[in-house]
C-alpha cells in the first residue's frame, strides 16, 4: 500500500469523473466544491445514500467514487462491494470521518483502492483521487499502522450480530426476541463478547467494538 503524498499522477486529457456519496449535504457540497477547483477533476454525480451509489454510477459512469462509510440505505463498504460488481472500471476511495482500523480492513476486502479521513488537506485528497485513478492503493499511513496493530475482529459473526443489536438497548429478552434466539444463548454470546473485548460490561464492549470498526452493518 502506498501512502498518499507527492505530486499529481499524470493522466489522460479528459478530467477524472467523480461520484460523491455522503449523507451530510454540507460535507458533500464542500467536497464537490474543493475537488471541482482542480482542472483535471470533474464531479459528475452526488448522492446522499449508500443504496443510490450503484444507480447513480450506472447513469454517470464515474472513474472514481468517493464514498463515506456510515450512510443510510447501505453503508459505504457494502456500496463499494456492490459497485465493484456493477461497474468494475470505477475505482473506490473511502473518505470518512471514522478512521477505524476495522473499517479500513473491510473496505480493502470490499475492493476499495483507498481509504482516507475527511480532514485530509484538499491538495492531498485530490492527489489521492489521481493515484487511485492511476491504479495505486492510497491509505492514510497512521490508520494503516493502527490496522496492522489491531488485527482482525476476534468476534464471531453471531457475536457481532448480537452486539450490533444490543447497541439499540433493551433487555436480554428483547435481544432474544429480535434475533430469534433463546435468552440463554444471548447471555452466552454477550459474555463471550465481554471477555474477548476485555470489557467490564455490555456498554463497554459495544464502545470497544465500535472504536475498532467491528460493528458496521452488513
Protein backbone atom coordinates (compact mmCIF):
# COMPACT_ATOMS: atom_id res chain seq x y z
CA UNK A 1 0.00 0.00 0.00
CA UNK A 2 1.23 3.47 -0.85
CA UNK A 3 0.65 6.38 1.49
CA UNK A 4 -0.62 9.48 -0.22
CA UNK A 5 1.79 12.29 -0.90
CA UNK A 6 3.94 13.74 -3.62
CA UNK A 7 2.85 15.44 -6.82
CA UNK A 8 -0.07 14.69 -9.14
CA UNK A 9 -0.02 11.50 -11.15
CA UNK A 10 -0.09 12.36 -14.83
CA UNK A 11 -3.19 11.14 -16.65
CA UNK A 12 -5.19 11.44 -19.83
CA UNK A 13 -6.51 14.75 -21.15
CA UNK A 14 -10.18 14.23 -20.14
CA UNK A 15 -10.86 15.09 -16.49
CA UNK A 16 -11.28 12.28 -13.97
CA UNK A 17 -15.01 11.78 -13.44
CA UNK A 18 -16.06 11.62 -9.77
CA UNK A 19 -19.09 10.35 -7.89
CA UNK A 20 -19.50 11.63 -4.32
CA UNK A 21 -21.57 9.76 -1.72
CA UNK A 22 -22.08 11.29 1.73
CA UNK A 23 -25.27 11.61 3.75
CA UNK A 24 -24.26 15.05 5.06
CA UNK A 25 -25.21 17.55 2.37
CA UNK A 26 -22.84 20.24 3.66
CA UNK A 27 -19.86 17.88 3.67
CA UNK A 28 -20.77 16.53 0.25
CA UNK A 29 -21.11 20.03 -1.13
CA UNK A 30 -17.80 21.12 0.36
CA UNK A 31 -16.00 18.12 -1.15
CA UNK A 32 -17.59 18.81 -4.52
CA UNK A 33 -16.54 22.46 -4.40
CA UNK A 34 -12.96 21.69 -3.40
CA UNK A 35 -12.42 18.92 -5.92
CA UNK A 36 -14.04 20.91 -8.73
CA UNK A 37 -11.31 23.53 -8.32
CA UNK A 38 -8.87 21.01 -9.77
CA UNK A 39 -8.72 21.27 -13.57
CA UNK A 40 -8.29 17.53 -14.03
CA UNK A 41 -11.20 16.52 -11.76
CA UNK A 42 -14.92 16.71 -12.54
CA UNK A 43 -17.79 15.84 -10.17
CA UNK A 44 -20.44 14.13 -12.29
CA UNK A 45 -22.76 12.75 -9.58
CA UNK A 46 -23.63 13.30 -5.91
CA UNK A 47 -25.79 11.06 -3.70
CA UNK A 48 -26.72 11.01 -0.03
CA UNK A 49 -27.49 7.32 0.45
CA UNK A 50 -25.46 4.18 0.01
CA UNK A 51 -28.18 2.42 -1.96
CA UNK A 52 -28.11 5.27 -4.51
CA UNK A 53 -24.44 4.71 -5.39
CA UNK A 54 -24.81 1.97 -7.99
CA UNK A 55 -27.80 3.53 -9.84
CA UNK A 56 -26.02 6.90 -9.95
CA UNK A 57 -22.81 5.26 -11.16
CA UNK A 58 -24.64 3.48 -13.95
CA UNK A 59 -26.09 6.82 -15.10
CA UNK A 60 -22.91 8.92 -14.82
CA UNK A 61 -20.13 6.36 -15.46
CA UNK A 62 -17.58 7.80 -12.98
CA UNK A 63 -13.91 6.88 -12.93
CA UNK A 64 -13.62 7.18 -9.14
CA UNK A 65 -16.30 7.03 -6.43
CA UNK A 66 -15.61 8.77 -3.12
CA UNK A 67 -17.74 7.02 -0.51
CA UNK A 68 -18.49 7.82 3.12
CA UNK A 69 -18.71 4.79 5.42
CA UNK A 70 -21.82 5.42 7.51
CA UNK A 71 -24.77 6.20 5.23
CA UNK A 72 -28.47 5.27 5.24
CA UNK A 73 -29.76 2.57 2.93
CA UNK A 74 -26.39 0.86 2.55
CA UNK A 75 -23.08 1.56 4.26
CA UNK A 76 -20.17 2.72 2.15
CA UNK A 77 -18.26 -0.54 2.40
CA UNK A 78 -21.23 -2.57 1.18
CA UNK A 79 -21.76 0.05 -1.54
CA UNK A 80 -18.12 -0.35 -2.59
CA UNK A 81 -18.59 -4.10 -2.96
CA UNK A 82 -21.79 -3.61 -4.99
CA UNK A 83 -20.12 -1.01 -7.19
CA UNK A 84 -17.21 -3.33 -7.88
CA UNK A 85 -19.66 -5.84 -9.34
CA UNK A 86 -21.89 -3.35 -11.19
CA UNK A 87 -19.13 -1.13 -12.60
CA UNK A 88 -15.72 -2.82 -12.30
CA UNK A 89 -13.93 0.05 -14.07
CA UNK A 90 -14.88 2.51 -11.30
CA UNK A 91 -12.33 2.70 -8.50
CA UNK A 92 -13.37 3.47 -4.93
CA UNK A 93 -11.80 5.87 -2.46
CA UNK A 94 -13.37 5.77 1.00
CA UNK A 95 -13.39 9.23 2.60
CA UNK A 96 -14.74 9.10 6.13
CA UNK A 97 -14.85 10.82 9.49
CA UNK A 98 -14.42 7.45 11.17
CA UNK A 99 -10.80 6.35 10.78
CA UNK A 100 -11.30 2.97 12.42
CA UNK A 101 -8.99 0.03 11.79
CA UNK A 102 -11.84 -2.42 11.21
CA UNK A 103 -13.34 -0.13 8.58
CA UNK A 104 -10.08 0.06 6.65
CA UNK A 105 -9.62 -3.70 6.59
CA UNK A 106 -13.19 -4.32 5.43
CA UNK A 107 -13.01 -1.55 2.83
CA UNK A 108 -9.94 -3.13 1.26
CA UNK A 109 -11.62 -6.54 1.31
CA UNK A 110 -14.64 -4.98 -0.45
CA UNK A 111 -12.43 -3.77 -3.27
CA UNK A 112 -11.73 -0.17 -2.30
CA UNK A 113 -8.48 1.23 -3.66
CA UNK A 114 -8.03 3.88 -0.99
CA UNK A 115 -9.07 5.00 2.48
CA UNK A 116 -8.54 8.50 3.86
CA UNK A 117 -10.15 10.59 6.58
CA UNK A 118 -12.17 13.73 5.89
CA UNK A 119 -9.70 16.11 7.50
CA UNK A 120 -7.16 15.23 4.80
CA UNK A 121 -5.98 18.53 3.24
CA UNK A 122 -7.69 19.32 -0.09
CA UNK A 123 -4.48 19.01 -2.10
CA UNK A 124 -3.71 15.60 -0.64
CA UNK A 125 -7.29 14.43 -1.23
CA UNK A 126 -7.09 15.47 -4.89
CA UNK A 127 -3.76 13.68 -5.15
CA UNK A 128 -5.30 10.57 -3.57
CA UNK A 129 -8.03 10.64 -6.24
CA UNK A 130 -5.43 10.83 -9.01
CA UNK A 131 -3.41 7.97 -7.55
CA UNK A 132 -6.44 5.74 -7.11
CA UNK A 133 -7.47 6.51 -10.69
CA UNK A 134 -3.95 5.54 -11.80
CA UNK A 135 -4.40 2.11 -10.20
CA UNK A 136 -2.49 2.71 -6.97
CA UNK A 137 -3.58 1.97 -3.42
CA UNK A 138 -3.79 5.01 -1.17
CA UNK A 139 -4.18 4.58 2.58
CA UNK A 140 -3.83 7.01 5.45
CA UNK A 141 -0.44 5.92 6.89
CA UNK A 142 -1.43 6.33 10.55
CA UNK A 143 -4.58 4.30 10.09
CA UNK A 144 -2.67 1.62 8.20
CA UNK A 145 -0.32 1.21 11.16
CA UNK A 146 -3.24 1.08 13.59
CA UNK A 147 -4.94 -1.58 11.47
CA UNK A 148 -1.88 -3.80 11.49
CA UNK A 149 -1.63 -3.40 15.26
CA UNK A 150 -5.33 -4.05 15.90
CA UNK A 151 -5.58 -7.22 13.81
CA UNK A 152 -8.87 -8.77 12.76
CA UNK A 153 -12.04 -8.77 14.83
CA UNK A 154 -12.00 -11.51 17.48
CA UNK A 155 -15.80 -11.75 17.37
CA UNK A 156 -17.70 -14.45 15.52
CA UNK A 157 -20.43 -13.47 13.07
CA UNK A 158 -23.12 -14.35 15.60
CA UNK A 159 -21.40 -12.44 18.41
CA UNK A 160 -21.11 -9.42 16.13
CA UNK A 161 -24.80 -9.67 15.27
CA UNK A 162 -25.78 -9.87 18.95
CA UNK A 163 -23.60 -6.92 19.92
CA UNK A 164 -24.77 -4.87 16.94
CA UNK A 165 -28.38 -5.46 18.01
CA UNK A 166 -27.52 -4.61 21.60
CA UNK A 167 -26.46 -1.11 20.54
CA UNK A 168 -30.14 -0.20 20.42
CA UNK A 169 -30.57 -1.07 24.10
CA UNK A 170 -33.12 -3.46 25.53
CA UNK A 171 -33.12 -6.41 27.86
CA UNK A 172 -31.75 -9.86 27.12
CA UNK A 173 -35.33 -10.91 26.41
CA UNK A 174 -35.68 -8.06 23.90
CA UNK A 175 -32.49 -9.09 22.14
CA UNK A 176 -33.52 -12.74 22.12
CA UNK A 177 -36.84 -11.83 20.51
CA UNK A 178 -35.24 -9.64 17.89
CA UNK A 179 -32.63 -12.25 16.98
CA UNK A 180 -34.90 -15.31 17.31
CA UNK A 181 -32.54 -16.85 19.86
CA UNK A 182 -33.03 -18.16 23.36
CA UNK A 183 -32.23 -15.85 26.25
CA UNK A 184 -29.54 -18.26 27.41
CA UNK A 185 -27.85 -18.16 24.01
CA UNK A 186 -27.89 -14.36 24.01
CA UNK A 187 -26.37 -14.27 27.50
CA UNK A 188 -23.63 -16.67 26.40
CA UNK A 189 -22.79 -14.56 23.36
CA UNK A 190 -22.73 -11.36 25.39
CA UNK A 191 -20.49 -13.00 27.97
CA UNK A 192 -18.12 -14.16 25.23
CA UNK A 193 -18.06 -10.69 23.68
CA UNK A 194 -17.28 -9.02 27.01
CA UNK A 195 -14.42 -11.45 27.56
CA UNK A 196 -12.95 -11.05 24.07
CA UNK A 197 -13.06 -7.25 24.17
CA UNK A 198 -11.65 -7.07 27.70
CA UNK A 199 -14.69 -5.02 28.72
CA UNK A 200 -16.40 -4.87 32.10
CA UNK A 201 -19.95 -4.83 30.76
CA UNK A 202 -22.08 -4.77 27.63
CA UNK A 203 -21.87 -1.00 27.14
CA UNK A 204 -18.10 -1.02 27.32
CA UNK A 205 -17.91 -3.97 24.93
CA UNK A 206 -20.02 -2.02 22.44
CA UNK A 207 -17.73 1.00 22.78
CA UNK A 208 -14.60 -1.08 22.21
CA UNK A 209 -16.11 -2.81 19.18
CA UNK A 210 -17.30 0.48 17.69
CA UNK A 211 -13.91 2.11 18.13
CA UNK A 212 -12.32 -0.76 16.23
CA UNK A 213 -14.93 -0.69 13.46
CA UNK A 214 -16.22 -4.20 14.15
CA UNK A 215 -19.94 -3.41 14.20
CA UNK A 216 -20.57 -1.83 10.83
CA UNK A 217 -23.80 -3.24 9.39
CA UNK A 218 -23.59 -5.69 6.51
